[in-house]
Amino acid sequence: MEIFKWMEWIFARNHALSEVDVPLTRSLAAVKPISSKTLMRYMRHVAAKVGARIAVDMNGQFGLMFDGWTSGTTHFVAIYGIFTYDGILSQVLLSISPAEYGQSAEAYLE
């Protein structure tokens, strides 16, 4: 549960993964400290589990939707999977093009 709390903190606050390594952050946190390397390992594990679940939910029948947009001079392309699940049309983000300066929250905000 503490790993999830660290992930939630990073995503909700748009922090870089390295925020968990900052001594001030660690001292203010009510959960057990974690390193950014460990956090990244767990995030990859979660991503693999989510991907496997999406594959099961798609059940081999799906369509692809591409979306592109520009923010300033940065161009993005996203790929969505479109499928029905329990009779309800669903869409999930499958992939997004890498940002020019990485995929941290700071890179997207700039």
PDB file of N, CA and C in Angstrom:
ATOM      1  N   MET A   1       0.821  -1.194   0.000  1.00  0.00           N
ATOM      2  CA  MET A   1       0.000   0.000   0.000  1.00  0.00           C
ATOM      3  C   MET A   1       0.871   1.265   0.000  1.00  0.00           C
ATOM      4  N   GLU A   2       2.033   1.194   0.640  1.00  0.00           N
ATOM      5  CA  GLU A   2       2.890   2.372   0.690  1.00  0.00           C
ATOM      6  C   GLU A   2       3.452   2.715  -0.684  1.00  0.00           C
ATOM      7  N   ILE A   3       3.725   1.698  -1.500  1.00  0.00           N
ATOM      8  CA  ILE A   3       4.201   1.948  -2.866  1.00  0.00           C
ATOM      9  C   ILE A   3       3.143   2.742  -3.625  1.00  0.00           C
ATOM     10  N   PHE A   4       1.876   2.332  -3.497  1.00  0.00           N
ATOM     11  CA  PHE A   4       0.790   3.045  -4.169  1.00  0.00           C
ATOM     12  C   PHE A   4       0.730   4.497  -3.701  1.00  0.00           C
ATOM     13  N   LYS A   5       0.914   4.738  -2.430  1.00  0.00           N
ATOM     14  CA  LYS A   5       0.879   6.108  -1.900  1.00  0.00           C
ATOM     15  C   LYS A   5       1.979   6.965  -2.530  1.00  0.00           C
ATOM     16  N   TRP A   6       3.172   6.385  -2.702  1.00  0.00           N
ATOM     17  CA  TRP A   6       4.244   7.136  -3.355  1.00  0.00           C
ATOM     18  C   TRP A   6       3.882   7.425  -4.812  1.00  0.00           C
ATOM     19  N   MET A   7       3.328   6.443  -5.524  1.00  0.00           N
ATOM     20  CA  MET A   7       2.919   6.665  -6.911  1.00  0.00           C
ATOM     21  C   MET A   7       1.863   7.763  -6.977  1.00  0.00           C
ATOM     22  N   GLU A   8       0.886   7.682  -6.088  1.00  0.00           N
ATOM     23  CA  GLU A   8      -0.184   8.678  -6.046  1.00  0.00           C
ATOM     24  C   GLU A   8       0.397  10.076  -5.797  1.00  0.00           C
ATOM     25  N   TRP A   9       1.337  10.188  -4.877  1.00  0.00           N
ATOM     26  CA  TRP A   9       1.969  11.472  -4.565  1.00  0.00           C
ATOM     27  C   TRP A   9       2.658  12.055  -5.804  1.00  0.00           C
ATOM     28  N   ILE A  10       3.421  11.229  -6.495  1.00  0.00           N
ATOM     29  CA  ILE A  10       4.155  11.691  -7.672  1.00  0.00           C
ATOM     30  C   ILE A  10       3.202  12.140  -8.778  1.00  0.00           C
ATOM     31  N   PHE A  11       2.201  11.330  -9.091  1.00  0.00           N
ATOM     32  CA  PHE A  11       1.291  11.642 -10.191  1.00  0.00           C
ATOM     33  C   PHE A  11       0.375  12.813  -9.868  1.00  0.00           C
ATOM     34  N   ALA A  12      -0.206  12.816  -8.685  1.00  0.00           N
ATOM     35  CA  ALA A  12      -1.164  13.858  -8.322  1.00  0.00           C
ATOM     36  C   ALA A  12      -0.505  15.231  -8.231  1.00  0.00           C
ATOM     37  N   ARG A  13       0.763  15.261  -7.862  1.00  0.00           N
ATOM     38  CA  ARG A  13       1.456  16.534  -7.674  1.00  0.00           C
ATOM     39  C   ARG A  13       2.347  16.906  -8.860  1.00  0.00           C
ATOM     40  N   ASN A  14       2.352  16.079  -9.909  1.00  0.00           N
ATOM     41  CA  ASN A  14       3.190  16.320 -11.093  1.00  0.00           C
ATOM     42  C   ASN A  14       4.669  16.459 -10.744  1.00  0.00           C
ATOM     43  N   HIS A  15       5.131  15.608  -9.846  1.00  0.00           N
ATOM     44  CA  HIS A  15       6.538  15.624  -9.445  1.00  0.00           C
ATOM     45  C   HIS A  15       7.357  14.682 -10.326  1.00  0.00           C
ATOM     46  N   ALA A  16       8.648  14.927 -10.372  1.00  0.00           N
ATOM     47  CA  ALA A  16       9.575  13.992 -11.004  1.00  0.00           C
ATOM     48  C   ALA A  16       9.709  12.773 -10.100  1.00  0.00           C
ATOM     49  N   LEU A  17      10.045  11.634 -10.677  1.00  0.00           N
ATOM     50  CA  LEU A  17      10.225  10.428  -9.864  1.00  0.00           C
ATOM     51  C   LEU A  17      11.296  10.629  -8.808  1.00  0.00           C
ATOM     52  N   SER A  18      12.282  11.447  -9.114  1.00  0.00           N
ATOM     53  CA  SER A  18      13.373  11.680  -8.162  1.00  0.00           C
ATOM     54  C   SER A  18      12.921  12.433  -6.918  1.00  0.00           C
ATOM     55  N   GLU A  19      11.703  12.947  -6.905  1.00  0.00           N
ATOM     56  CA  GLU A  19      11.186  13.646  -5.721  1.00  0.00           C
ATOM     57  C   GLU A  19      11.227  12.755  -4.484  1.00  0.00           C
ATOM     58  N   VAL A  20      11.068  11.450  -4.693  1.00  0.00           N
ATOM     59  CA  VAL A  20      11.077  10.534  -3.538  1.00  0.00           C
ATOM     60  C   VAL A  20      12.462  10.422  -2.918  1.00  0.00           C
ATOM     61  N   ASP A  21      13.497  10.889  -3.617  1.00  0.00           N
ATOM     62  CA  ASP A  21      14.866  10.850  -3.094  1.00  0.00           C
ATOM     63  C   ASP A  21      15.231  12.105  -2.296  1.00  0.00           C
ATOM     64  N   VAL A  22      14.402  13.129  -2.363  1.00  0.00           N
ATOM     65  CA  VAL A  22      14.696  14.405  -1.702  1.00  0.00           C
ATOM     66  C   VAL A  22      14.499  14.254  -0.189  1.00  0.00           C
ATOM     67  N   PRO A  23      15.523  14.567   0.602  1.00  0.00           N
ATOM     68  CA  PRO A  23      15.423  14.400   2.058  1.00  0.00           C
ATOM     69  C   PRO A  23      14.230  15.122   2.683  1.00  0.00           C
ATOM     70  N   LEU A  24      13.915  16.342   2.224  1.00  0.00           N
ATOM     71  CA  LEU A  24      12.777  17.068   2.788  1.00  0.00           C
ATOM     72  C   LEU A  24      11.474  16.319   2.529  1.00  0.00           C
ATOM     73  N   THR A  25      11.300  15.812   1.323  1.00  0.00           N
ATOM     74  CA  THR A  25      10.100  15.036   1.004  1.00  0.00           C
ATOM     75  C   THR A  25      10.006  13.820   1.906  1.00  0.00           C
ATOM     76  N   ARG A  26      11.105  13.119   2.058  1.00  0.00           N
ATOM     77  CA  ARG A  26      11.116  11.927   2.912  1.00  0.00           C
ATOM     78  C   ARG A  26      10.774  12.272   4.356  1.00  0.00           C
ATOM     79  N   SER A  27      11.283  13.401   4.836  1.00  0.00           N
ATOM     80  CA  SER A  27      11.030  13.761   6.234  1.00  0.00           C
ATOM     81  C   SER A  27       9.578  14.162   6.468  1.00  0.00           C
ATOM     82  N   LEU A  28       8.907  14.674   5.444  1.00  0.00           N
ATOM     83  CA  LEU A  28       7.522  15.107   5.584  1.00  0.00           C
ATOM     84  C   LEU A  28       6.517  13.989   5.313  1.00  0.00           C
ATOM     85  N   ALA A  29       6.961  12.938   4.677  1.00  0.00           N
ATOM     86  CA  ALA A  29       6.059  11.847   4.299  1.00  0.00           C
ATOM     87  C   ALA A  29       5.718  10.979   5.498  1.00  0.00           C
ATOM     88  N   ALA A  30       4.455  10.562   5.545  1.00  0.00           N
ATOM     89  CA  ALA A  30       4.000   9.696   6.632  1.00  0.00           C
ATOM     90  C   ALA A  30       4.184   8.220   6.292  1.00  0.00           C
ATOM     91  N   VAL A  31       4.685   7.944   5.095  1.00  0.00           N
ATOM     92  CA  VAL A  31       4.897   6.557   4.690  1.00  0.00           C
ATOM     93  C   VAL A  31       6.387   6.260   4.665  1.00  0.00           C
ATOM     94  N   LYS A  32       6.703   4.984   4.650  1.00  0.00           N
ATOM     95  CA  LYS A  32       8.098   4.540   4.644  1.00  0.00           C
ATOM     96  C   LYS A  32       8.824   5.083   3.409  1.00  0.00           C
ATOM     97  N   PRO A  33      10.035   5.609   3.554  1.00  0.00           N
ATOM     98  CA  PRO A  33      10.774   6.150   2.406  1.00  0.00           C
ATOM     99  C   PRO A  33      11.037   5.088   1.333  1.00  0.00           C
ATOM    100  N   ILE A  34      11.177   5.574   0.100  1.00  0.00           N
ATOM    101  CA  ILE A  34      11.440   4.707  -1.042  1.00  0.00           C
ATOM    102  C   ILE A  34      12.394   5.450  -1.971  1.00  0.00           C
ATOM    103  N   SER A  35      13.200   4.741  -2.718  1.00  0.00           N
ATOM    104  CA  SER A  35      14.089   5.396  -3.684  1.00  0.00           C
ATOM    105  C   SER A  35      13.386   5.493  -5.036  1.00  0.00           C
ATOM    106  N   SER A  36      13.845   6.422  -5.873  1.00  0.00           N
ATOM    107  CA  SER A  36      13.247   6.566  -7.201  1.00  0.00           C
ATOM    108  C   SER A  36      13.482   5.310  -8.039  1.00  0.00           C
ATOM    109  N   LYS A  37      14.605   4.642  -7.836  1.00  0.00           N
ATOM    110  CA  LYS A  37      14.901   3.400  -8.565  1.00  0.00           C
ATOM    111  C   LYS A  37      13.880   2.318  -8.207  1.00  0.00           C
ATOM    112  N   THR A  38      13.588   2.188  -6.924  1.00  0.00           N
ATOM    113  CA  THR A  38      12.590   1.209  -6.478  1.00  0.00           C
ATOM    114  C   THR A  38      11.210   1.588  -6.988  1.00  0.00           C
ATOM    115  N   LEU A  39      10.876   2.876  -6.924  1.00  0.00           N
ATOM    116  CA  LEU A  39       9.579   3.341  -7.409  1.00  0.00           C
ATOM    117  C   LEU A  39       9.422   3.020  -8.891  1.00  0.00           C
ATOM    118  N   MET A  40      10.465   3.257  -9.673  1.00  0.00           N
ATOM    119  CA  MET A  40      10.415   2.963 -11.106  1.00  0.00           C
ATOM    120  C   MET A  40      10.221   1.473 -11.349  1.00  0.00           C
ATOM    121  N   ARG A  41      10.870   0.631 -10.557  1.00  0.00           N
ATOM    122  CA  ARG A  41      10.717  -0.818 -10.706  1.00  0.00           C
ATOM    123  C   ARG A  41       9.259  -1.223 -10.473  1.00  0.00           C
ATOM    124  N   TYR A  42       8.651  -0.680  -9.424  1.00  0.00           N
ATOM    125  CA  TYR A  42       7.256  -0.999  -9.147  1.00  0.00           C
ATOM    126  C   TYR A  42       6.325  -0.436 -10.213  1.00  0.00           C
ATOM    127  N   MET A  43       6.638   0.743 -10.726  1.00  0.00           N
ATOM    128  CA  MET A  43       5.799   1.330 -11.770  1.00  0.00           C
ATOM    129  C   MET A  43       5.836   0.479 -13.036  1.00  0.00           C
ATOM    130  N   ARG A  44       6.995  -0.058 -13.370  1.00  0.00           N
ATOM    131  CA  ARG A  44       7.084  -0.954 -14.534  1.00  0.00           C
ATOM    132  C   ARG A  44       6.271  -2.224 -14.297  1.00  0.00           C
ATOM    133  N   HIS A  45       6.321  -2.731 -13.077  1.00  0.00           N
ATOM    134  CA  HIS A  45       5.549  -3.923 -12.724  1.00  0.00           C
ATOM    135  C   HIS A  45       4.047  -3.640 -12.856  1.00  0.00           C
ATOM    136  N   VAL A  46       3.617  -2.500 -12.343  1.00  0.00           N
ATOM    137  CA  VAL A  46       2.205  -2.116 -12.442  1.00  0.00           C
ATOM    138  C   VAL A  46       1.805  -1.961 -13.904  1.00  0.00           C
ATOM    139  N   ALA A  47       2.651  -1.317 -14.709  1.00  0.00           N
ATOM    140  CA  ALA A  47       2.351  -1.129 -16.130  1.00  0.00           C
ATOM    141  C   ALA A  47       2.192  -2.470 -16.840  1.00  0.00           C
ATOM    142  N   ALA A  48       3.035  -3.440 -16.515  1.00  0.00           N
ATOM    143  CA  ALA A  48       2.928  -4.772 -17.124  1.00  0.00           C
ATOM    144  C   ALA A  48       1.617  -5.442 -16.735  1.00  0.00           C
ATOM    145  N   LYS A  49       1.236  -5.324 -15.470  1.00  0.00           N
ATOM    146  CA  LYS A  49      -0.023  -5.921 -15.001  1.00  0.00           C
ATOM    147  C   LYS A  49      -1.228  -5.250 -15.658  1.00  0.00           C
ATOM    148  N   VAL A  50      -1.186  -3.928 -15.772  1.00  0.00           N
ATOM    149  CA  VAL A  50      -2.283  -3.199 -16.413  1.00  0.00           C
ATOM    150  C   VAL A  50      -2.374  -3.587 -17.885  1.00  0.00           C
ATOM    151  N   GLY A  51      -1.221  -3.677 -18.560  1.00  0.00           N
ATOM    152  CA  GLY A  51      -1.213  -4.086 -19.964  1.00  0.00           C
ATOM    153  C   GLY A  51      -1.799  -5.469 -20.167  1.00  0.00           C
ATOM    154  N   ALA A  52      -1.463  -6.393 -19.276  1.00  0.00           N
ATOM    155  CA  ALA A  52      -2.009  -7.753 -19.368  1.00  0.00           C
ATOM    156  C   ALA A  52      -3.519  -7.737 -19.165  1.00  0.00           C
ATOM    157  N   ARG A  53      -3.990  -6.919 -18.243  1.00  0.00           N
ATOM    158  CA  ARG A  53      -5.434  -6.833 -17.985  1.00  0.00           C
ATOM    159  C   ARG A  53      -6.162  -6.220 -19.179  1.00  0.00           C
ATOM    160  N   ILE A  54      -5.564  -5.197 -19.783  1.00  0.00           N
ATOM    161  CA  ILE A  54      -6.166  -4.584 -20.969  1.00  0.00           C
ATOM    162  C   ILE A  54      -6.260  -5.610 -22.093  1.00  0.00           C
ATOM    163  N   ALA A  55      -5.224  -6.414 -22.277  1.00  0.00           N
ATOM    164  CA  ALA A  55      -5.235  -7.449 -23.319  1.00  0.00           C
ATOM    165  C   ALA A  55      -6.373  -8.436 -23.091  1.00  0.00           C
ATOM    166  N   VAL A  56      -6.599  -8.815 -21.840  1.00  0.00           N
ATOM    167  CA  VAL A  56      -7.703  -9.727 -21.517  1.00  0.00           C
ATOM    168  C   VAL A  56      -9.038  -9.057 -21.814  1.00  0.00           C
ATOM    169  N   ASP A  57      -9.192  -7.806 -21.393  1.00  0.00           N
ATOM    170  CA  ASP A  57     -10.448  -7.086 -21.605  1.00  0.00           C
ATOM    171  C   ASP A  57     -10.750  -6.879 -23.085  1.00  0.00           C
ATOM    172  N   MET A  58      -9.716  -6.677 -23.905  1.00  0.00           N
ATOM    173  CA  MET A  58      -9.921  -6.481 -25.340  1.00  0.00           C
ATOM    174  C   MET A  58     -10.373  -7.765 -26.021  1.00  0.00           C
ATOM    175  N   ASN A  59     -10.010  -8.886 -25.476  1.00  0.00           N
ATOM    176  CA  ASN A  59     -10.468 -10.186 -25.951  1.00  0.00           C
ATOM    177  C   ASN A  59     -10.212 -10.410 -27.440  1.00  0.00           C
ATOM    178  N   GLY A  60      -9.131  -9.849 -27.975  1.00  0.00           N
ATOM    179  CA  GLY A  60      -8.760 -10.108 -29.365  1.00  0.00           C
ATOM    180  C   GLY A  60      -9.536  -9.318 -30.398  1.00  0.00           C
ATOM    181  N   GLN A  61     -10.569  -8.591 -29.992  1.00  0.00           N
ATOM    182  CA  GLN A  61     -11.354  -7.801 -30.939  1.00  0.00           C
ATOM    183  C   GLN A  61     -11.277  -6.338 -30.521  1.00  0.00           C
ATOM    184  N   PHE A  62     -10.581  -5.550 -31.339  1.00  0.00           N
ATOM    185  CA  PHE A  62     -10.414  -4.148 -30.983  1.00  0.00           C
ATOM    186  C   PHE A  62     -10.079  -3.332 -32.222  1.00  0.00           C
ATOM    187  N   GLY A  63     -10.214  -2.051 -32.086  1.00  0.00           N
ATOM    188  CA  GLY A  63      -9.801  -1.118 -33.127  1.00  0.00           C
ATOM    189  C   GLY A  63      -8.755  -0.186 -32.549  1.00  0.00           C
ATOM    190  N   LEU A  64      -8.063   0.510 -33.414  1.00  0.00           N
ATOM    191  CA  LEU A  64      -7.057   1.475 -32.974  1.00  0.00           C
ATOM    192  C   LEU A  64      -7.488   2.876 -33.380  1.00  0.00           C
ATOM    193  N   MET A  65      -7.264   3.821 -32.496  1.00  0.00           N
ATOM    194  CA  MET A  65      -7.541   5.224 -32.781  1.00  0.00           C
ATOM    195  C   MET A  65      -6.252   6.002 -32.528  1.00  0.00           C
ATOM    196  N   PHE A  66      -5.886   6.821 -33.476  1.00  0.00           N
ATOM    197  CA  PHE A  66      -4.690   7.645 -33.347  1.00  0.00           C
ATOM    198  C   PHE A  66      -5.113   9.083 -33.085  1.00  0.00           C
ATOM    199  N   ASP A  67      -4.387   9.761 -32.230  1.00  0.00           N
ATOM    200  CA  ASP A  67      -4.661  11.163 -31.937  1.00  0.00           C
ATOM    201  C   ASP A  67      -3.329  11.892 -31.894  1.00  0.00           C
ATOM    202  N   GLY A  68      -3.285  13.044 -32.478  1.00  0.00           N
ATOM    203  CA  GLY A  68      -2.065  13.834 -32.462  1.00  0.00           C
ATOM    204  C   GLY A  68      -2.373  15.259 -32.057  1.00  0.00           C
ATOM    205  N   TRP A  69      -1.444  15.908 -31.394  1.00  0.00           N
ATOM    206  CA  TRP A  69      -1.621  17.292 -31.001  1.00  0.00           C
ATOM    207  C   TRP A  69      -0.267  17.945 -30.805  1.00  0.00           C
ATOM    208  N   THR A  70      -0.308  19.249 -30.750  1.00  0.00           N
ATOM    209  CA  THR A  70       0.906  20.035 -30.581  1.00  0.00           C
ATOM    210  C   THR A  70       0.736  20.965 -29.397  1.00  0.00           C
ATOM    211  N   SER A  71       1.772  21.070 -28.604  1.00  0.00           N
ATOM    212  CA  SER A  71       1.819  22.030 -27.503  1.00  0.00           C
ATOM    213  C   SER A  71       3.074  22.860 -27.719  1.00  0.00           C
ATOM    214  N   GLY A  72       2.878  24.081 -28.197  1.00  0.00           N
ATOM    215  CA  GLY A  72       4.033  24.902 -28.564  1.00  0.00           C
ATOM    216  C   GLY A  72       4.719  24.286 -29.767  1.00  0.00           C
ATOM    217  N   THR A  73       5.958  23.874 -29.587  1.00  0.00           N
ATOM    218  CA  THR A  73       6.690  23.234 -30.683  1.00  0.00           C
ATOM    219  C   THR A  73       6.866  21.737 -30.458  1.00  0.00           C
ATOM    220  N   THR A  74       6.197  21.210 -29.439  1.00  0.00           N
ATOM    221  CA  THR A  74       6.290  19.780 -29.144  1.00  0.00           C
ATOM    222  C   THR A  74       5.089  19.061 -29.744  1.00  0.00           C
ATOM    223  N   HIS A  75       5.346  18.000 -30.482  1.00  0.00           N
ATOM    224  CA  HIS A  75       4.296  17.230 -31.138  1.00  0.00           C
ATOM    225  C   HIS A  75       4.135  15.886 -30.431  1.00  0.00           C
ATOM    226  N   PHE A  76       2.896  15.476 -30.251  1.00  0.00           N
ATOM    227  CA  PHE A  76       2.589  14.221 -29.580  1.00  0.00           C
ATOM    228  C   PHE A  76       1.697  13.368 -30.468  1.00  0.00           C
ATOM    229  N   VAL A  77       1.833  12.065 -30.353  1.00  0.00           N
ATOM    230  CA  VAL A  77       0.943  11.114 -31.005  1.00  0.00           C
ATOM    231  C   VAL A  77       0.577  10.062 -29.968  1.00  0.00           C
ATOM    232  N   ALA A  78      -0.707   9.785 -29.867  1.00  0.00           N
ATOM    233  CA  ALA A  78      -1.183   8.771 -28.928  1.00  0.00           C
ATOM    234  C   ALA A  78      -1.931   7.688 -29.696  1.00  0.00           C
ATOM    235  N   ILE A  79      -1.875   6.475 -29.187  1.00  0.00           N
ATOM    236  CA  ILE A  79      -2.611   5.353 -29.768  1.00  0.00           C
ATOM    237  C   ILE A  79      -3.552   4.820 -28.695  1.00  0.00           C
ATOM    238  N   TYR A  80      -4.831   4.739 -29.048  1.00  0.00           N
ATOM    239  CA  TYR A  80      -5.850   4.226 -28.139  1.00  0.00           C
ATOM    240  C   TYR A  80      -6.387   2.906 -28.667  1.00  0.00           C
ATOM    241  N   GLY A  81      -6.724   2.014 -27.777  1.00  0.00           N
ATOM    242  CA  GLY A  81      -7.416   0.783 -28.128  1.00  0.00           C
ATOM    243  C   GLY A  81      -8.903   0.983 -27.880  1.00  0.00           C
ATOM    244  N   ILE A  82      -9.729   0.653 -28.860  1.00  0.00           N
ATOM    245  CA  ILE A  82     -11.178   0.802 -28.754  1.00  0.00           C
ATOM    246  C   ILE A  82     -11.780  -0.595 -28.789  1.00  0.00           C
ATOM    247  N   PHE A  83     -12.631  -0.905 -27.814  1.00  0.00           N
ATOM    248  CA  PHE A  83     -13.223  -2.237 -27.726  1.00  0.00           C
ATOM    249  C   PHE A  83     -14.484  -2.179 -26.871  1.00  0.00           C
ATOM    250  N   THR A  84     -15.271  -3.236 -26.940  1.00  0.00           N
ATOM    251  CA  THR A  84     -16.436  -3.322 -26.057  1.00  0.00           C
ATOM    252  C   THR A  84     -16.116  -4.282 -24.921  1.00  0.00           C
ATOM    253  N   TYR A  85     -16.558  -3.905 -23.740  1.00  0.00           N
ATOM    254  CA  TYR A  85     -16.360  -4.727 -22.548  1.00  0.00           C
ATOM    255  C   TYR A  85     -17.676  -4.741 -21.796  1.00  0.00           C
ATOM    256  N   ASP A  86     -18.251  -5.918 -21.644  1.00  0.00           N
ATOM    257  CA  ASP A  86     -19.571  -6.065 -21.024  1.00  0.00           C
ATOM    258  C   ASP A  86     -20.611  -5.188 -21.719  1.00  0.00           C
ATOM    259  N   GLY A  87     -20.515  -5.111 -23.051  1.00  0.00           N
ATOM    260  CA  GLY A  87     -21.481  -4.354 -23.829  1.00  0.00           C
ATOM    261  C   GLY A  87     -21.283  -2.848 -23.814  1.00  0.00           C
ATOM    262  N   ILE A  88     -20.221  -2.379 -23.200  1.00  0.00           N
ATOM    263  CA  ILE A  88     -19.955  -0.944 -23.107  1.00  0.00           C
ATOM    264  C   ILE A  88     -18.718  -0.618 -23.939  1.00  0.00           C
ATOM    265  N   LEU A  89     -18.836   0.407 -24.793  1.00  0.00           N
ATOM    266  CA  LEU A  89     -17.700   0.834 -25.596  1.00  0.00           C
ATOM    267  C   LEU A  89     -16.639   1.435 -24.682  1.00  0.00           C
ATOM    268  N   SER A  90     -15.422   0.955 -24.802  1.00  0.00           N
ATOM    269  CA  SER A  90     -14.324   1.418 -23.946  1.00  0.00           C
ATOM    270  C   SER A  90     -13.145   1.854 -24.796  1.00  0.00           C
ATOM    271  N   GLN A  91     -12.365   2.770 -24.261  1.00  0.00           N
ATOM    272  CA  GLN A  91     -11.114   3.161 -24.917  1.00  0.00           C
ATOM    273  C   GLN A  91     -10.048   3.324 -23.849  1.00  0.00           C
ATOM    274  N   VAL A  92      -8.852   2.848 -24.177  1.00  0.00           N
ATOM    275  CA  VAL A  92      -7.721   2.959 -23.256  1.00  0.00           C
ATOM    276  C   VAL A  92      -6.513   3.479 -24.021  1.00  0.00           C
ATOM    277  N   LEU A  93      -5.714   4.270 -23.344  1.00  0.00           N
ATOM    278  CA  LEU A  93      -4.476   4.774 -23.924  1.00  0.00           C
ATOM    279  C   LEU A  93      -3.463   3.641 -23.931  1.00  0.00           C
ATOM    280  N   LEU A  94      -3.008   3.257 -25.113  1.00  0.00           N
ATOM    281  CA  LEU A  94      -2.032   2.177 -25.235  1.00  0.00           C
ATOM    282  C   LEU A  94      -0.606   2.701 -25.295  1.00  0.00           C
ATOM    283  N   SER A  95      -0.429   3.839 -25.943  1.00  0.00           N
ATOM    284  CA  SER A  95       0.925   4.360 -26.118  1.00  0.00           C
ATOM    285  C   SER A  95       0.864   5.852 -26.396  1.00  0.00           C
ATOM    286  N   ILE A  96       1.923   6.536 -25.997  1.00  0.00           N
ATOM    287  CA  ILE A  96       2.063   7.957 -26.310  1.00  0.00           C
ATOM    288  C   ILE A  96       3.513   8.173 -26.721  1.00  0.00           C
ATOM    289  N   SER A  97       3.694   9.007 -27.729  1.00  0.00           N
ATOM    290  CA  SER A  97       5.055   9.229 -28.215  1.00  0.00           C
ATOM    291  C   SER A  97       5.905   9.854 -27.118  1.00  0.00           C
ATOM    292  N   PRO A  98       7.168   9.491 -27.070  1.00  0.00           N
ATOM    293  CA  PRO A  98       8.050  10.075 -26.051  1.00  0.00           C
ATOM    294  C   PRO A  98       8.213  11.573 -26.263  1.00  0.00           C
ATOM    295  N   ALA A  99       8.243  12.291 -25.168  1.00  0.00           N
ATOM    296  CA  ALA A  99       8.490  13.724 -25.245  1.00  0.00           C
ATOM    297  C   ALA A  99       9.967  13.959 -25.554  1.00  0.00           C
ATOM    298  N   GLU A 100      10.250  15.079 -26.155  1.00  0.00           N
ATOM    299  CA  GLU A 100      11.622  15.391 -26.565  1.00  0.00           C
ATOM    300  C   GLU A 100      12.592  15.399 -25.387  1.00  0.00           C
ATOM    301  N   TYR A 101      12.123  15.844 -24.218  1.00  0.00           N
ATOM    302  CA  TYR A 101      13.004  15.958 -23.053  1.00  0.00           C
ATOM    303  C   TYR A 101      12.678  14.928 -21.979  1.00  0.00           C
ATOM    304  N   GLY A 102      12.123  13.797 -22.363  1.00  0.00           N
ATOM    305  CA  GLY A 102      11.821  12.753 -21.397  1.00  0.00           C
ATOM    306  C   GLY A 102      10.333  12.698 -21.095  1.00  0.00           C
ATOM    307  N   GLN A 103       9.980  11.833 -20.149  1.00  0.00           N
ATOM    308  CA  GLN A 103       8.575  11.637 -19.837  1.00  0.00           C
ATOM    309  C   GLN A 103       8.248  12.004 -18.398  1.00  0.00           C
ATOM    310  N   SER A 104       9.041  12.863 -17.803  1.00  0.00           N
ATOM    311  CA  SER A 104       8.745  13.312 -16.444  1.00  0.00           C
ATOM    312  C   SER A 104       7.627  14.345 -16.491  1.00  0.00           C
ATOM    313  N   ALA A 105       7.019  14.596 -15.351  1.00  0.00           N
ATOM    314  CA  ALA A 105       5.974  15.613 -15.272  1.00  0.00           C
ATOM    315  C   ALA A 105       6.521  16.970 -15.701  1.00  0.00           C
ATOM    316  N   GLU A 106       7.755  17.272 -15.310  1.00  0.00           N
ATOM    317  CA  GLU A 106       8.351  18.556 -15.665  1.00  0.00           C
ATOM    318  C   GLU A 106       8.483  18.711 -17.175  1.00  0.00           C
ATOM    319  N   ALA A 107       8.860  17.640 -17.856  1.00  0.00           N
ATOM    320  CA  ALA A 107       9.035  17.698 -19.308  1.00  0.00           C
ATOM    321  C   ALA A 107       7.715  18.009 -19.998  1.00  0.00           C
ATOM    322  N   TYR A 108       6.619  17.452 -19.498  1.00  0.00           N
ATOM    323  CA  TYR A 108       5.322  17.705 -20.107  1.00  0.00           C
ATOM    324  C   TYR A 108       4.803  19.098 -19.776  1.00  0.00           C
ATOM    325  N   LEU A 109       5.132  19.603 -18.605  1.00  0.00           N
ATOM    326  CA  LEU A 109       4.636  20.915 -18.206  1.00  0.00           C
ATOM    327  C   LEU A 109       5.347  22.052 -18.921  1.00  0.00           C
ATOM    328  N   GLU A 110       6.568  21.815 -19.370  1.00  0.00           N
ATOM    329  CA  GLU A 110       7.333  22.889 -20.028  1.00  0.00           C
ATOM    330  C   GLU A 110       6.948  23.089 -21.439  1.00  0.00           C
TER     331      GLU A 110
END
